[in-house]
Amino acid sequence: MLHSKGQNQCPHCKKDFTEDKAQSAPKISRMLTPEQVELLEFADHLDGPDLVKSLKLVHDVALYHSHGPINEAEKDALFNLKVLWECIEGIVE
C-alpha cells in the first residue's frame, strides 16, 4: 500500500497491538455450558494462593497418606490436579 508520499507502508505498522495479545489467548470454539460458567464464577471469588494450597493438600494426602496402591487412572487424576494448581499459580503471579 502506498501512502501520500508514494512510499510503501510497513504492514506491521498499522497492526493493532491489542489484536496481537488477543491472538495469543486461547480461542473458545463453542459456548460455555451453564455449569462451566458457574465453575468460573466460583473460582473467580476464591483467593488464588488459598486455592493452590488446598489443591496441593488434596494431592499430597491422596498420594503420600494413602496405603493402597495407586492405579493409572488415579495417577492421571493426581497429575491433572497438579497441572490445575500450576495453571492457577501462573494466573495469580
PDB file of N, CA and C in Angstrom:
ATOM      1  N   MET A   1       0.842  -1.168   0.000  1.00  0.00           N
ATOM      2  CA  MET A   1       0.000   0.000   0.000  1.00  0.00           C
ATOM      3  C   MET A   1       0.894   1.240   0.000  1.00  0.00           C
ATOM      4  N   LEU A   2       0.564   2.202  -0.816  1.00  0.00           N
ATOM      5  CA  LEU A   2       1.316   3.448  -0.886  1.00  0.00           C
ATOM      6  C   LEU A   2       0.594   4.519  -0.092  1.00  0.00           C
ATOM      7  N   HIS A   3       1.370   5.313   0.665  1.00  0.00           N
ATOM      8  CA  HIS A   3       0.719   6.463   1.308  1.00  0.00           C
ATOM      9  C   HIS A   3       1.025   7.715   0.518  1.00  0.00           C
ATOM     10  N   SER A   4       0.650   8.872   1.007  1.00  0.00           N
ATOM     11  CA  SER A   4       0.644  10.110   0.219  1.00  0.00           C
ATOM     12  C   SER A   4       1.989  10.452  -0.403  1.00  0.00           C
ATOM     13  N   LYS A   5       3.108  10.005   0.155  1.00  0.00           N
ATOM     14  CA  LYS A   5       4.423  10.332  -0.397  1.00  0.00           C
ATOM     15  C   LYS A   5       4.916   9.251  -1.356  1.00  0.00           C
ATOM     16  N   GLY A   6       4.083   8.283  -1.657  1.00  0.00           N
ATOM     17  CA  GLY A   6       4.454   7.268  -2.626  1.00  0.00           C
ATOM     18  C   GLY A   6       5.287   6.140  -2.053  1.00  0.00           C
ATOM     19  N   GLN A   7       5.468   6.111  -0.750  1.00  0.00           N
ATOM     20  CA  GLN A   7       6.262   5.046  -0.136  1.00  0.00           C
ATOM     21  C   GLN A   7       5.347   3.916   0.337  1.00  0.00           C
ATOM     22  N   ASN A   8       5.917   2.740   0.318  1.00  0.00           N
ATOM     23  CA  ASN A   8       5.167   1.600   0.837  1.00  0.00           C
ATOM     24  C   ASN A   8       5.061   1.689   2.356  1.00  0.00           C
ATOM     25  N   GLN A   9       3.900   1.361   2.841  1.00  0.00           N
ATOM     26  CA  GLN A   9       3.695   1.373   4.286  1.00  0.00           C
ATOM     27  C   GLN A   9       4.044  -0.001   4.840  1.00  0.00           C
ATOM     28  N   CYS A  10       4.727  -0.007   5.942  1.00  0.00           N
ATOM     29  CA  CYS A  10       5.082  -1.261   6.602  1.00  0.00           C
ATOM     30  C   CYS A  10       3.807  -1.972   7.032  1.00  0.00           C
ATOM     31  N   PRO A  11       3.631  -3.240   6.672  1.00  0.00           N
ATOM     32  CA  PRO A  11       2.397  -3.942   7.044  1.00  0.00           C
ATOM     33  C   PRO A  11       2.253  -4.122   8.553  1.00  0.00           C
ATOM     34  N   HIS A  12       3.359  -4.074   9.284  1.00  0.00           N
ATOM     35  CA  HIS A  12       3.296  -4.260  10.733  1.00  0.00           C
ATOM     36  C   HIS A  12       2.971  -2.954  11.461  1.00  0.00           C
ATOM     37  N   CYS A  13       3.193  -1.813  10.817  1.00  0.00           N
ATOM     38  CA  CYS A  13       2.970  -0.525  11.471  1.00  0.00           C
ATOM     39  C   CYS A  13       1.501  -0.251  11.738  1.00  0.00           C
ATOM     40  N   LYS A  14       0.635  -0.754  10.908  1.00  0.00           N
ATOM     41  CA  LYS A  14      -0.779  -0.470  11.097  1.00  0.00           C
ATOM     42  C   LYS A  14      -1.469  -1.535  11.933  1.00  0.00           C
ATOM     43  N   LYS A  15      -0.721  -2.518  12.358  1.00  0.00           N
ATOM     44  CA  LYS A  15      -1.285  -3.596  13.155  1.00  0.00           C
ATOM     45  C   LYS A  15      -1.635  -3.090  14.540  1.00  0.00           C
ATOM     46  N   ASP A  16      -2.771  -3.493  15.046  1.00  0.00           N
ATOM     47  CA  ASP A  16      -3.198  -3.115  16.386  1.00  0.00           C
ATOM     48  C   ASP A  16      -2.556  -4.081  17.372  1.00  0.00           C
ATOM     49  N   PHE A  17      -1.837  -3.542  18.372  1.00  0.00           N
ATOM     50  CA  PHE A  17      -1.129  -4.406  19.305  1.00  0.00           C
ATOM     51  C   PHE A  17      -2.075  -5.162  20.220  1.00  0.00           C
ATOM     52  N   THR A  18      -3.260  -4.651  20.495  1.00  0.00           N
ATOM     53  CA  THR A  18      -4.223  -5.410  21.295  1.00  0.00           C
ATOM     54  C   THR A  18      -4.700  -6.622  20.513  1.00  0.00           C
ATOM     55  N   GLU A  19      -4.681  -6.516  19.200  1.00  0.00           N
ATOM     56  CA  GLU A  19      -5.047  -7.654  18.357  1.00  0.00           C
ATOM     57  C   GLU A  19      -4.042  -8.776  18.543  1.00  0.00           C
ATOM     58  N   ASP A  20      -2.728  -8.427  18.647  1.00  0.00           N
ATOM     59  CA  ASP A  20      -1.700  -9.438  18.862  1.00  0.00           C
ATOM     60  C   ASP A  20      -1.927 -10.178  20.169  1.00  0.00           C
ATOM     61  N   LYS A  21      -2.255  -9.436  21.217  1.00  0.00           N
ATOM     62  CA  LYS A  21      -2.494 -10.061  22.514  1.00  0.00           C
ATOM     63  C   LYS A  21      -3.713 -10.965  22.450  1.00  0.00           C
ATOM     64  N   ALA A  22      -4.731 -10.543  21.753  1.00  0.00           N
ATOM     65  CA  ALA A  22      -5.941 -11.349  21.647  1.00  0.00           C
ATOM     66  C   ALA A  22      -5.670 -12.628  20.871  1.00  0.00           C
ATOM     67  N   GLN A  23      -4.779 -12.562  19.894  1.00  0.00           N
ATOM     68  CA  GLN A  23      -4.474 -13.754  19.109  1.00  0.00           C
ATOM     69  C   GLN A  23      -3.723 -14.785  19.936  1.00  0.00           C
ATOM     70  N   SER A  24      -2.979 -14.342  20.963  1.00  0.00           N
ATOM     71  CA  SER A  24      -2.239 -15.298  21.774  1.00  0.00           C
ATOM     72  C   SER A  24      -3.140 -15.972  22.810  1.00  0.00           C
ATOM     73  N   ALA A  25      -4.309 -15.409  23.071  1.00  0.00           N
ATOM     74  CA  ALA A  25      -5.243 -16.022  24.008  1.00  0.00           C
ATOM     75  C   ALA A  25      -5.913 -17.218  23.347  1.00  0.00           C
ATOM     76  N   PRO A  26      -6.198 -18.250  24.139  1.00  0.00           N
ATOM     77  CA  PRO A  26      -6.862 -19.411  23.539  1.00  0.00           C
ATOM     78  C   PRO A  26      -8.246 -19.054  23.035  1.00  0.00           C
ATOM     79  N   LYS A  27      -8.616 -19.629  21.935  1.00  0.00           N
ATOM     80  CA  LYS A  27      -9.928 -19.356  21.355  1.00  0.00           C
ATOM     81  C   LYS A  27     -10.912 -20.421  21.830  1.00  0.00           C
ATOM     82  N   ILE A  28     -12.089 -19.987  22.221  1.00  0.00           N
ATOM     83  CA  ILE A  28     -13.128 -20.908  22.645  1.00  0.00           C
ATOM     84  C   ILE A  28     -14.026 -21.141  21.444  1.00  0.00           C
ATOM     85  N   SER A  29     -14.064 -22.386  20.994  1.00  0.00           N
ATOM     86  CA  SER A  29     -14.776 -22.688  19.761  1.00  0.00           C
ATOM     87  C   SER A  29     -16.264 -22.932  19.973  1.00  0.00           C
ATOM     88  N   ARG A  30     -16.684 -22.977  21.233  1.00  0.00           N
ATOM     89  CA  ARG A  30     -18.099 -23.206  21.496  1.00  0.00           C
ATOM     90  C   ARG A  30     -18.505 -22.385  22.713  1.00  0.00           C
ATOM     91  N   MET A  31     -19.793 -22.255  22.899  1.00  0.00           N
ATOM     92  CA  MET A  31     -20.299 -21.524  24.055  1.00  0.00           C
ATOM     93  C   MET A  31     -20.087 -22.364  25.317  1.00  0.00           C
ATOM     94  N   LEU A  32     -19.867 -21.681  26.439  1.00  0.00           N
ATOM     95  CA  LEU A  32     -19.714 -22.392  27.698  1.00  0.00           C
ATOM     96  C   LEU A  32     -21.073 -22.864  28.199  1.00  0.00           C
ATOM     97  N   THR A  33     -21.066 -24.003  28.856  1.00  0.00           N
ATOM     98  CA  THR A  33     -22.298 -24.501  29.445  1.00  0.00           C
ATOM     99  C   THR A  33     -22.570 -23.715  30.730  1.00  0.00           C
ATOM    100  N   PRO A  34     -23.791 -23.720  31.214  1.00  0.00           N
ATOM    101  CA  PRO A  34     -24.080 -23.039  32.489  1.00  0.00           C
ATOM    102  C   PRO A  34     -23.212 -23.561  33.635  1.00  0.00           C
ATOM    103  N   GLU A  35     -22.904 -24.844  33.625  1.00  0.00           N
ATOM    104  CA  GLU A  35     -22.054 -25.423  34.671  1.00  0.00           C
ATOM    105  C   GLU A  35     -20.633 -24.873  34.598  1.00  0.00           C
ATOM    106  N   GLN A  36     -20.118 -24.700  33.373  1.00  0.00           N
ATOM    107  CA  GLN A  36     -18.770 -24.145  33.209  1.00  0.00           C
ATOM    108  C   GLN A  36     -18.726 -22.690  33.661  1.00  0.00           C
ATOM    109  N   VAL A  37     -19.744 -21.937  33.342  1.00  0.00           N
ATOM    110  CA  VAL A  37     -19.823 -20.542  33.778  1.00  0.00           C
ATOM    111  C   VAL A  37     -19.878 -20.483  35.297  1.00  0.00           C
ATOM    112  N   GLU A  38     -20.670 -21.366  35.904  1.00  0.00           N
ATOM    113  CA  GLU A  38     -20.778 -21.402  37.366  1.00  0.00           C
ATOM    114  C   GLU A  38     -19.425 -21.718  38.005  1.00  0.00           C
ATOM    115  N   LEU A  39     -18.696 -22.667  37.427  1.00  0.00           N
ATOM    116  CA  LEU A  39     -17.370 -23.006  37.941  1.00  0.00           C
ATOM    117  C   LEU A  39     -16.423 -21.815  37.854  1.00  0.00           C
ATOM    118  N   LEU A  40     -16.420 -21.120  36.726  1.00  0.00           N
ATOM    119  CA  LEU A  40     -15.545 -19.956  36.565  1.00  0.00           C
ATOM    120  C   LEU A  40     -15.914 -18.844  37.535  1.00  0.00           C
ATOM    121  N   GLU A  41     -17.207 -18.626  37.746  1.00  0.00           N
ATOM    122  CA  GLU A  41     -17.624 -17.604  38.700  1.00  0.00           C
ATOM    123  C   GLU A  41     -17.216 -17.978  40.120  1.00  0.00           C
ATOM    124  N   PHE A  42     -17.356 -19.253  40.472  1.00  0.00           N
ATOM    125  CA  PHE A  42     -16.964 -19.712  41.797  1.00  0.00           C
ATOM    126  C   PHE A  42     -15.460 -19.543  41.986  1.00  0.00           C
ATOM    127  N   ALA A  43     -14.679 -19.979  41.003  1.00  0.00           N
ATOM    128  CA  ALA A  43     -13.220 -19.886  41.106  1.00  0.00           C
ATOM    129  C   ALA A  43     -12.756 -18.438  41.122  1.00  0.00           C
ATOM    130  N   ASP A  44     -13.495 -17.548  40.480  1.00  0.00           N
ATOM    131  CA  ASP A  44     -13.133 -16.138  40.434  1.00  0.00           C
ATOM    132  C   ASP A  44     -13.186 -15.501  41.822  1.00  0.00           C
ATOM    133  N   HIS A  45     -14.075 -16.001  42.675  1.00  0.00           N
ATOM    134  CA  HIS A  45     -14.230 -15.419  44.013  1.00  0.00           C
ATOM    135  C   HIS A  45     -13.271 -16.013  45.029  1.00  0.00           C
ATOM    136  N   LEU A  46     -12.572 -17.078  44.675  1.00  0.00           N
ATOM    137  CA  LEU A  46     -11.623 -17.703  45.592  1.00  0.00           C
ATOM    138  C   LEU A  46     -10.303 -16.956  45.565  1.00  0.00           C
ATOM    139  N   ASP A  47      -9.600 -17.017  46.661  1.00  0.00           N
ATOM    140  CA  ASP A  47      -8.266 -16.440  46.720  1.00  0.00           C
ATOM    141  C   ASP A  47      -7.298 -17.428  46.077  1.00  0.00           C
ATOM    142  N   GLY A  48      -6.574 -17.004  45.073  1.00  0.00           N
ATOM    143  CA  GLY A  48      -5.698 -17.888  44.313  1.00  0.00           C
ATOM    144  C   GLY A  48      -4.719 -18.685  45.152  1.00  0.00           C
ATOM    145  N   PRO A  49      -3.924 -18.046  46.020  1.00  0.00           N
ATOM    146  CA  PRO A  49      -2.972 -18.817  46.822  1.00  0.00           C
ATOM    147  C   PRO A  49      -3.650 -19.845  47.734  1.00  0.00           C
ATOM    148  N   ASP A  50      -4.808 -19.513  48.287  1.00  0.00           N
ATOM    149  CA  ASP A  50      -5.523 -20.477  49.135  1.00  0.00           C
ATOM    150  C   ASP A  50      -6.025 -21.659  48.319  1.00  0.00           C
ATOM    151  N   LEU A  51      -6.491 -21.392  47.111  1.00  0.00           N
ATOM    152  CA  LEU A  51      -6.957 -22.467  46.239  1.00  0.00           C
ATOM    153  C   LEU A  51      -5.800 -23.385  45.864  1.00  0.00           C
ATOM    154  N   VAL A  52      -4.659 -22.824  45.535  1.00  0.00           N
ATOM    155  CA  VAL A  52      -3.475 -23.621  45.196  1.00  0.00           C
ATOM    156  C   VAL A  52      -3.064 -24.469  46.391  1.00  0.00           C
ATOM    157  N   LYS A  53      -3.051 -23.866  47.577  1.00  0.00           N
ATOM    158  CA  LYS A  53      -2.678 -24.591  48.786  1.00  0.00           C
ATOM    159  C   LYS A  53      -3.638 -25.768  49.030  1.00  0.00           C
ATOM    160  N   SER A  54      -4.922 -25.552  48.816  1.00  0.00           N
ATOM    161  CA  SER A  54      -5.913 -26.617  49.000  1.00  0.00           C
ATOM    162  C   SER A  54      -5.708 -27.743  48.001  1.00  0.00           C
ATOM    163  N   LEU A  55      -5.465 -27.395  46.749  1.00  0.00           N
ATOM    164  CA  LEU A  55      -5.247 -28.422  45.726  1.00  0.00           C
ATOM    165  C   LEU A  55      -3.991 -29.237  46.022  1.00  0.00           C
ATOM    166  N   LYS A  56      -2.940 -28.573  46.481  1.00  0.00           N
ATOM    167  CA  LYS A  56      -1.713 -29.288  46.838  1.00  0.00           C
ATOM    168  C   LYS A  56      -1.955 -30.223  48.017  1.00  0.00           C
ATOM    169  N   LEU A  57      -2.741 -29.776  48.993  1.00  0.00           N
ATOM    170  CA  LEU A  57      -3.037 -30.605  50.147  1.00  0.00           C
ATOM    171  C   LEU A  57      -3.803 -31.857  49.745  1.00  0.00           C
ATOM    172  N   VAL A  58      -4.818 -31.703  48.906  1.00  0.00           N
ATOM    173  CA  VAL A  58      -5.581 -32.858  48.429  1.00  0.00           C
ATOM    174  C   VAL A  58      -4.661 -33.817  47.678  1.00  0.00           C
ATOM    175  N   HIS A  59      -3.806 -33.282  46.835  1.00  0.00           N
ATOM    176  CA  HIS A  59      -2.851 -34.092  46.073  1.00  0.00           C
ATOM    177  C   HIS A  59      -1.947 -34.882  47.014  1.00  0.00           C
ATOM    178  N   ASP A  60      -1.364 -34.191  47.993  1.00  0.00           N
ATOM    179  CA  ASP A  60      -0.417 -34.839  48.895  1.00  0.00           C
ATOM    180  C   ASP A  60      -1.081 -35.881  49.785  1.00  0.00           C
ATOM    181  N   VAL A  61      -2.283 -35.590  50.264  1.00  0.00           N
ATOM    182  CA  VAL A  61      -2.998 -36.559  51.098  1.00  0.00           C
ATOM    183  C   VAL A  61      -3.287 -37.815  50.284  1.00  0.00           C
ATOM    184  N   ALA A  62      -3.764 -37.638  49.070  1.00  0.00           N
ATOM    185  CA  ALA A  62      -4.090 -38.788  48.234  1.00  0.00           C
ATOM    186  C   ALA A  62      -2.842 -39.583  47.858  1.00  0.00           C
ATOM    187  N   LEU A  63      -1.747 -38.905  47.624  1.00  0.00           N
ATOM    188  CA  LEU A  63      -0.538 -39.582  47.151  1.00  0.00           C
ATOM    189  C   LEU A  63       0.304 -40.157  48.285  1.00  0.00           C
ATOM    190  N   TYR A  64       0.539 -39.369  49.317  1.00  0.00           N
ATOM    191  CA  TYR A  64       1.505 -39.759  50.333  1.00  0.00           C
ATOM    192  C   TYR A  64       0.892 -40.377  51.584  1.00  0.00           C
ATOM    193  N   HIS A  65      -0.390 -40.208  51.795  1.00  0.00           N
ATOM    194  CA  HIS A  65      -1.002 -40.724  53.019  1.00  0.00           C
ATOM    195  C   HIS A  65      -1.980 -41.860  52.761  1.00  0.00           C
ATOM    196  N   SER A  66      -2.054 -42.329  51.542  1.00  0.00           N
ATOM    197  CA  SER A  66      -2.900 -43.490  51.254  1.00  0.00           C
ATOM    198  C   SER A  66      -2.024 -44.737  51.349  1.00  0.00           C
ATOM    199  N   HIS A  67      -2.629 -45.820  51.795  1.00  0.00           N
ATOM    200  CA  HIS A  67      -1.861 -47.042  51.999  1.00  0.00           C
ATOM    201  C   HIS A  67      -2.077 -48.058  50.884  1.00  0.00           C
ATOM    202  N   GLY A  68      -3.014 -47.780  50.006  1.00  0.00           N
ATOM    203  CA  GLY A  68      -3.282 -48.692  48.908  1.00  0.00           C
ATOM    204  C   GLY A  68      -2.492 -48.309  47.675  1.00  0.00           C
ATOM    205  N   PRO A  69      -2.363 -49.248  46.755  1.00  0.00           N
ATOM    206  CA  PRO A  69      -1.674 -48.922  45.502  1.00  0.00           C
ATOM    207  C   PRO A  69      -2.503 -47.948  44.671  1.00  0.00           C
ATOM    208  N   ILE A  70      -1.809 -47.138  43.904  1.00  0.00           N
ATOM    209  CA  ILE A  70      -2.464 -46.143  43.053  1.00  0.00           C
ATOM    210  C   ILE A  70      -2.415 -46.646  41.617  1.00  0.00           C
ATOM    211  N   ASN A  71      -3.601 -46.766  40.998  1.00  0.00           N
ATOM    212  CA  ASN A  71      -3.644 -47.264  39.622  1.00  0.00           C
ATOM    213  C   ASN A  71      -3.409 -46.116  38.632  1.00  0.00           C
ATOM    214  N   GLU A  72      -3.379 -46.447  37.355  1.00  0.00           N
ATOM    215  CA  GLU A  72      -3.077 -45.446  36.319  1.00  0.00           C
ATOM    216  C   GLU A  72      -4.098 -44.315  36.269  1.00  0.00           C
ATOM    217  N   ALA A  73      -5.373 -44.634  36.421  1.00  0.00           N
ATOM    218  CA  ALA A  73      -6.403 -43.589  36.386  1.00  0.00           C
ATOM    219  C   ALA A  73      -6.216 -42.611  37.546  1.00  0.00           C
ATOM    220  N   GLU A  74      -5.865 -43.120  38.725  1.00  0.00           N
ATOM    221  CA  GLU A  74      -5.628 -42.247  39.885  1.00  0.00           C
ATOM    222  C   GLU A  74      -4.368 -41.416  39.693  1.00  0.00           C
ATOM    223  N   LYS A  75      -3.337 -42.008  39.099  1.00  0.00           N
ATOM    224  CA  LYS A  75      -2.112 -41.248  38.799  1.00  0.00           C
ATOM    225  C   LYS A  75      -2.412 -40.119  37.818  1.00  0.00           C
ATOM    226  N   ASP A  76      -3.211 -40.427  36.806  1.00  0.00           N
ATOM    227  CA  ASP A  76      -3.593 -39.393  35.837  1.00  0.00           C
ATOM    228  C   ASP A  76      -4.381 -38.271  36.511  1.00  0.00           C
ATOM    229  N   ALA A  77      -5.292 -38.640  37.419  1.00  0.00           N
ATOM    230  CA  ALA A  77      -6.088 -37.639  38.126  1.00  0.00           C
ATOM    231  C   ALA A  77      -5.200 -36.756  39.003  1.00  0.00           C
ATOM    232  N   LEU A  78      -4.231 -37.356  39.673  1.00  0.00           N
ATOM    233  CA  LEU A  78      -3.310 -36.575  40.506  1.00  0.00           C
ATOM    234  C   LEU A  78      -2.450 -35.650  39.647  1.00  0.00           C
ATOM    235  N   PHE A  79      -2.036 -36.140  38.489  1.00  0.00           N
ATOM    236  CA  PHE A  79      -1.260 -35.294  37.578  1.00  0.00           C
ATOM    237  C   PHE A  79      -2.110 -34.118  37.089  1.00  0.00           C
ATOM    238  N   ASN A  80      -3.369 -34.380  36.741  1.00  0.00           N
ATOM    239  CA  ASN A  80      -4.263 -33.305  36.300  1.00  0.00           C
ATOM    240  C   ASN A  80      -4.472 -32.274  37.400  1.00  0.00           C
ATOM    241  N   LEU A  81      -4.546 -32.743  38.635  1.00  0.00           N
ATOM    242  CA  LEU A  81      -4.674 -31.827  39.771  1.00  0.00           C
ATOM    243  C   LEU A  81      -3.438 -30.933  39.873  1.00  0.00           C
ATOM    244  N   LYS A  82      -2.264 -31.524  39.678  1.00  0.00           N
ATOM    245  CA  LYS A  82      -1.012 -30.748  39.712  1.00  0.00           C
ATOM    246  C   LYS A  82      -0.986 -29.708  38.593  1.00  0.00           C
ATOM    247  N   VAL A  83      -1.399 -30.108  37.398  1.00  0.00           N
ATOM    248  CA  VAL A  83      -1.439 -29.168  36.269  1.00  0.00           C
ATOM    249  C   VAL A  83      -2.407 -28.026  36.568  1.00  0.00           C
ATOM    250  N   LEU A  84      -3.545 -28.345  37.188  1.00  0.00           N
ATOM    251  CA  LEU A  84      -4.525 -27.319  37.534  1.00  0.00           C
ATOM    252  C   LEU A  84      -3.942 -26.305  38.498  1.00  0.00           C
ATOM    253  N   TRP A  85      -3.267 -26.755  39.565  1.00  0.00           N
ATOM    254  CA  TRP A  85      -2.734 -25.783  40.508  1.00  0.00           C
ATOM    255  C   TRP A  85      -1.590 -24.981  39.898  1.00  0.00           C
ATOM    256  N   GLU A  86      -0.820 -25.576  39.001  1.00  0.00           N
ATOM    257  CA  GLU A  86       0.237 -24.817  38.331  1.00  0.00           C
ATOM    258  C   GLU A  86      -0.343 -23.742  37.431  1.00  0.00           C
ATOM    259  N   CYS A  87      -1.462 -24.042  36.764  1.00  0.00           N
ATOM    260  CA  CYS A  87      -2.140 -23.022  35.932  1.00  0.00           C
ATOM    261  C   CYS A  87      -2.659 -21.881  36.796  1.00  0.00           C
ATOM    262  N   ILE A  88      -3.228 -22.228  37.933  1.00  0.00           N
ATOM    263  CA  ILE A  88      -3.747 -21.192  38.834  1.00  0.00           C
ATOM    264  C   ILE A  88      -2.609 -20.362  39.385  1.00  0.00           C
ATOM    265  N   GLU A  89      -1.504 -20.989  39.728  1.00  0.00           N
ATOM    266  CA  GLU A  89      -0.322 -20.242  40.191  1.00  0.00           C
ATOM    267  C   GLU A  89       0.145 -19.250  39.134  1.00  0.00           C
ATOM    268  N   GLY A  90       0.126 -19.669  37.871  1.00  0.00           N
ATOM    269  CA  GLY A  90       0.539 -18.781  36.775  1.00  0.00           C
ATOM    270  C   GLY A  90      -0.373 -17.580  36.640  1.00  0.00           C
ATOM    271  N   ILE A  91      -1.660 -17.761  36.916  1.00  0.00           N
ATOM    272  CA  ILE A  91      -2.607 -16.654  36.841  1.00  0.00           C
ATOM    273  C   ILE A  91      -2.412 -15.696  38.002  1.00  0.00           C
ATOM    274  N   VAL A  92      -2.162 -16.247  39.201  1.00  0.00           N
ATOM    275  CA  VAL A  92      -2.045 -15.444  40.411  1.00  0.00           C
ATOM    276  C   VAL A  92      -0.797 -14.586  40.374  1.00  0.00           C
ATOM    277  N   GLU A  93       0.271 -15.116  39.795  1.00  0.00           N
ATOM    278  CA  GLU A  93       1.547 -14.388  39.794  1.00  0.00           C
ATOM    279  C   GLU A  93       1.525 -13.214  38.927  1.00  0.00           C
TER     280      GLU A  93
END
